[in-house]
N, C-alpha and C. Protein backbone atom coordinates (compact mmCIF):
# COMPACT_ATOMS: atom_id res chain seq x y z
N MET A 1 13.65 -12.67 11.21
CA MET A 1 13.39 -11.25 11.05
C MET A 1 12.70 -11.02 9.70
N THR A 2 11.81 -10.08 9.68
CA THR A 2 11.10 -9.76 8.45
C THR A 2 11.69 -8.51 7.82
N GLN A 3 11.91 -8.59 6.53
CA GLN A 3 12.40 -7.45 5.76
C GLN A 3 11.32 -7.13 4.73
N TYR A 4 11.20 -5.88 4.38
CA TYR A 4 10.17 -5.46 3.44
C TYR A 4 10.78 -5.00 2.12
N CYS A 5 10.01 -5.17 1.05
CA CYS A 5 10.39 -4.61 -0.24
C CYS A 5 10.28 -3.09 -0.13
N SER A 6 10.85 -2.40 -1.05
CA SER A 6 10.70 -0.94 -1.05
C SER A 6 9.23 -0.60 -1.19
N ILE A 7 8.77 0.36 -0.39
CA ILE A 7 7.38 0.79 -0.46
C ILE A 7 7.07 1.33 -1.85
N ILE A 8 8.05 1.84 -2.55
CA ILE A 8 7.82 2.37 -3.90
C ILE A 8 7.44 1.24 -4.84
N ASP A 9 8.10 0.11 -4.75
CA ASP A 9 7.74 -1.04 -5.58
C ASP A 9 6.34 -1.55 -5.25
N THR A 10 6.06 -1.65 -3.98
CA THR A 10 4.73 -2.09 -3.55
C THR A 10 3.67 -1.10 -4.02
N HIS A 11 3.95 0.17 -3.86
CA HIS A 11 3.03 1.22 -4.29
C HIS A 11 2.76 1.12 -5.80
N ASN A 12 3.79 0.92 -6.58
CA ASN A 12 3.62 0.82 -8.04
C ASN A 12 2.69 -0.32 -8.43
N LYS A 13 2.77 -1.42 -7.70
CA LYS A 13 1.88 -2.55 -7.97
C LYS A 13 0.45 -2.23 -7.54
N ILE A 14 0.31 -1.63 -6.38
CA ILE A 14 -1.02 -1.30 -5.87
C ILE A 14 -1.71 -0.26 -6.73
N ILE A 15 -0.99 0.74 -7.12
CA ILE A 15 -1.60 1.85 -7.88
C ILE A 15 -2.12 1.37 -9.23
N GLN A 16 -1.55 0.31 -9.77
CA GLN A 16 -1.99 -0.23 -11.05
C GLN A 16 -3.35 -0.92 -10.97
N ILE A 17 -3.72 -1.38 -9.80
CA ILE A 17 -4.97 -2.13 -9.70
C ILE A 17 -6.12 -1.32 -9.11
N ILE A 18 -5.83 -0.14 -8.59
CA ILE A 18 -6.90 0.69 -8.04
C ILE A 18 -7.65 1.33 -9.21
N PRO A 19 -8.97 1.23 -9.22
CA PRO A 19 -9.75 1.83 -10.31
C PRO A 19 -9.58 3.35 -10.37
N GLU A 20 -9.63 3.87 -11.58
CA GLU A 20 -9.45 5.30 -11.80
C GLU A 20 -10.48 6.14 -11.06
N ASN A 21 -11.64 5.58 -10.78
CA ASN A 21 -12.66 6.35 -10.08
C ASN A 21 -12.36 6.54 -8.59
N GLN A 22 -11.33 5.91 -8.09
CA GLN A 22 -10.90 6.08 -6.70
C GLN A 22 -9.87 7.21 -6.61
N ILE A 23 -10.29 8.36 -7.08
CA ILE A 23 -9.41 9.52 -7.25
C ILE A 23 -8.74 9.94 -5.94
N ASN A 24 -9.50 10.05 -4.88
CA ASN A 24 -8.94 10.51 -3.61
C ASN A 24 -7.91 9.54 -3.05
N LEU A 25 -8.19 8.27 -3.15
CA LEU A 25 -7.23 7.26 -2.69
C LEU A 25 -5.94 7.34 -3.51
N ILE A 26 -6.07 7.39 -4.79
CA ILE A 26 -4.90 7.47 -5.67
C ILE A 26 -4.09 8.73 -5.36
N ASP A 27 -4.77 9.85 -5.23
CA ASP A 27 -4.07 11.11 -4.93
C ASP A 27 -3.34 11.04 -3.59
N ASP A 28 -4.00 10.50 -2.58
CA ASP A 28 -3.35 10.41 -1.26
C ASP A 28 -2.13 9.50 -1.29
N LEU A 29 -2.24 8.39 -2.00
CA LEU A 29 -1.09 7.47 -2.09
C LEU A 29 0.06 8.09 -2.86
N ILE A 30 -0.24 8.76 -3.94
CA ILE A 30 0.81 9.41 -4.74
C ILE A 30 1.49 10.52 -3.94
N LYS A 31 0.72 11.32 -3.24
CA LYS A 31 1.30 12.39 -2.40
C LYS A 31 2.23 11.79 -1.34
N PHE A 32 1.79 10.71 -0.74
CA PHE A 32 2.61 10.07 0.28
C PHE A 32 3.93 9.58 -0.30
N ILE A 33 3.88 8.92 -1.42
CA ILE A 33 5.10 8.41 -2.04
C ILE A 33 6.01 9.55 -2.47
N LYS A 34 5.44 10.58 -3.07
CA LYS A 34 6.27 11.73 -3.48
C LYS A 34 6.96 12.37 -2.29
N SER A 35 6.28 12.45 -1.16
CA SER A 35 6.88 13.09 0.01
C SER A 35 7.97 12.23 0.66
N ASN A 36 8.02 10.96 0.31
CA ASN A 36 9.01 10.06 0.92
C ASN A 36 10.02 9.50 -0.06
N LYS A 37 9.88 9.81 -1.33
CA LYS A 37 10.69 9.20 -2.38
C LYS A 37 12.20 9.40 -2.19
N THR A 38 12.60 10.50 -1.61
CA THR A 38 14.03 10.80 -1.47
C THR A 38 14.62 10.28 -0.15
N LYS A 39 13.83 9.58 0.63
CA LYS A 39 14.33 9.04 1.90
C LYS A 39 15.27 7.86 1.61
N SER A 40 15.97 7.45 2.62
CA SER A 40 16.94 6.36 2.48
C SER A 40 16.24 5.04 2.17
N LEU A 41 16.97 4.14 1.54
CA LEU A 41 16.45 2.81 1.25
C LEU A 41 16.07 2.08 2.53
N GLN A 42 16.83 2.31 3.57
CA GLN A 42 16.52 1.69 4.86
C GLN A 42 15.14 2.12 5.34
N TYR A 43 14.80 3.39 5.19
CA TYR A 43 13.48 3.87 5.58
C TYR A 43 12.39 3.36 4.64
N LEU A 44 12.69 3.35 3.33
CA LEU A 44 11.70 2.92 2.34
C LEU A 44 11.37 1.43 2.43
N THR A 45 12.19 0.69 3.15
CA THR A 45 11.92 -0.74 3.35
C THR A 45 11.59 -1.04 4.81
N SER A 46 11.27 -0.02 5.57
CA SER A 46 11.01 -0.21 7.00
C SER A 46 9.55 -0.51 7.30
N LYS A 47 9.34 -1.08 8.44
CA LYS A 47 7.99 -1.37 8.92
C LYS A 47 7.21 -0.06 9.09
N LEU A 48 7.87 0.97 9.56
CA LEU A 48 7.22 2.25 9.83
C LEU A 48 6.55 2.83 8.58
N ILE A 49 7.25 2.83 7.45
CA ILE A 49 6.67 3.41 6.24
C ILE A 49 5.49 2.56 5.75
N TYR A 50 5.57 1.25 5.96
CA TYR A 50 4.44 0.39 5.59
C TYR A 50 3.22 0.67 6.47
N ILE A 51 3.45 0.93 7.72
CA ILE A 51 2.35 1.28 8.63
C ILE A 51 1.69 2.58 8.19
N GLU A 52 2.49 3.56 7.84
CA GLU A 52 1.96 4.85 7.39
C GLU A 52 1.17 4.69 6.09
N TYR A 53 1.67 3.90 5.18
CA TYR A 53 0.99 3.64 3.90
C TYR A 53 -0.32 2.91 4.16
N LEU A 54 -0.29 1.95 5.06
CA LEU A 54 -1.48 1.19 5.40
C LEU A 54 -2.58 2.09 5.96
N HIS A 55 -2.21 3.07 6.76
CA HIS A 55 -3.21 4.00 7.29
C HIS A 55 -3.96 4.72 6.17
N ILE A 56 -3.27 5.05 5.12
CA ILE A 56 -3.93 5.69 3.98
C ILE A 56 -4.88 4.71 3.31
N LEU A 57 -4.41 3.51 3.04
CA LEU A 57 -5.28 2.50 2.42
C LEU A 57 -6.54 2.25 3.25
N LEU A 58 -6.37 2.16 4.55
CA LEU A 58 -7.50 1.83 5.41
C LEU A 58 -8.56 2.92 5.48
N LYS A 59 -8.17 4.15 5.16
CA LYS A 59 -9.17 5.22 5.11
C LYS A 59 -10.21 4.96 4.02
N TYR A 60 -9.85 4.18 3.02
CA TYR A 60 -10.72 3.94 1.86
C TYR A 60 -11.25 2.51 1.80
N MET A 61 -10.93 1.72 2.78
CA MET A 61 -11.38 0.34 2.82
C MET A 61 -12.47 0.24 3.90
N PRO A 62 -13.29 -0.80 3.82
CA PRO A 62 -14.30 -0.99 4.86
C PRO A 62 -13.65 -1.22 6.23
N ASN A 63 -14.31 -0.75 7.25
CA ASN A 63 -13.79 -0.91 8.62
C ASN A 63 -14.22 -2.28 9.18
N ARG A 64 -13.83 -3.31 8.47
CA ARG A 64 -14.17 -4.69 8.80
C ARG A 64 -13.34 -5.59 7.89
N PRO A 65 -13.29 -6.86 8.19
CA PRO A 65 -12.62 -7.77 7.24
C PRO A 65 -13.34 -7.74 5.89
N LEU A 66 -12.59 -7.92 4.83
CA LEU A 66 -13.21 -7.93 3.50
C LEU A 66 -14.15 -9.11 3.36
N LYS A 67 -15.21 -8.89 2.60
CA LYS A 67 -16.20 -9.94 2.32
C LYS A 67 -16.12 -10.31 0.85
N ASN A 68 -16.71 -11.43 0.52
CA ASN A 68 -16.68 -11.92 -0.87
C ASN A 68 -17.24 -10.92 -1.87
N ASN A 69 -18.20 -10.12 -1.47
CA ASN A 69 -18.80 -9.19 -2.41
C ASN A 69 -18.10 -7.84 -2.47
N ASP A 70 -16.99 -7.67 -1.74
CA ASP A 70 -16.21 -6.44 -1.86
C ASP A 70 -15.50 -6.43 -3.21
N PRO A 71 -15.21 -5.24 -3.71
CA PRO A 71 -14.56 -5.15 -5.03
C PRO A 71 -13.22 -5.90 -5.09
N GLU A 72 -12.97 -6.46 -6.24
CA GLU A 72 -11.76 -7.26 -6.43
C GLU A 72 -10.49 -6.45 -6.18
N TRP A 73 -10.52 -5.15 -6.54
CA TRP A 73 -9.31 -4.34 -6.36
C TRP A 73 -8.93 -4.27 -4.88
N MET A 74 -9.91 -4.29 -3.98
CA MET A 74 -9.59 -4.26 -2.55
C MET A 74 -8.87 -5.54 -2.13
N TRP A 75 -9.35 -6.67 -2.62
CA TRP A 75 -8.70 -7.94 -2.35
C TRP A 75 -7.27 -7.96 -2.92
N ASN A 76 -7.13 -7.43 -4.11
CA ASN A 76 -5.81 -7.39 -4.75
C ASN A 76 -4.85 -6.49 -3.98
N CYS A 77 -5.34 -5.35 -3.51
CA CYS A 77 -4.50 -4.47 -2.69
C CYS A 77 -4.03 -5.20 -1.43
N GLN A 78 -4.95 -5.89 -0.82
CA GLN A 78 -4.62 -6.64 0.38
C GLN A 78 -3.55 -7.69 0.09
N ASP A 79 -3.70 -8.39 -1.02
CA ASP A 79 -2.72 -9.42 -1.39
C ASP A 79 -1.34 -8.83 -1.65
N ILE A 80 -1.31 -7.75 -2.41
CA ILE A 80 -0.03 -7.11 -2.73
C ILE A 80 0.63 -6.59 -1.45
N PHE A 81 -0.15 -5.93 -0.65
CA PHE A 81 0.40 -5.35 0.58
C PHE A 81 0.92 -6.44 1.52
N SER A 82 0.17 -7.50 1.66
CA SER A 82 0.58 -8.56 2.59
C SER A 82 1.76 -9.38 2.06
N SER A 83 1.98 -9.37 0.77
CA SER A 83 3.12 -10.11 0.22
C SER A 83 4.37 -9.25 0.04
N ALA A 84 4.36 -8.06 0.60
CA ALA A 84 5.50 -7.15 0.43
C ALA A 84 6.65 -7.46 1.38
N SER A 85 6.44 -8.39 2.29
CA SER A 85 7.54 -8.72 3.20
C SER A 85 8.35 -9.89 2.65
N ILE A 86 9.62 -9.86 2.95
CA ILE A 86 10.54 -10.92 2.52
C ILE A 86 11.00 -11.62 3.79
N LYS A 87 10.68 -12.86 3.90
CA LYS A 87 11.08 -13.63 5.10
C LYS A 87 12.54 -14.01 4.98
N ASN A 88 13.29 -13.74 6.03
CA ASN A 88 14.71 -14.13 6.06
C ASN A 88 14.87 -15.46 6.76
């Protein structure tokens, strides 16, 4: 079974690497986290919240697999997001 880290921890890592000029992405992610911050730990570590967060990220990412010439921050977001699960 796969367990996830708290979306808040993952968000904090992701938000640090997104460039400041990505204002809309940053704002959308912060709004999402603020609206869910008081939810239970069970929800904050659920697959569902990760799916919802991913939908926001994907609005600002290319609609294709990343390529070598894509910005490094996109690759880093992908790495952080994909490593947020804890294998049991």
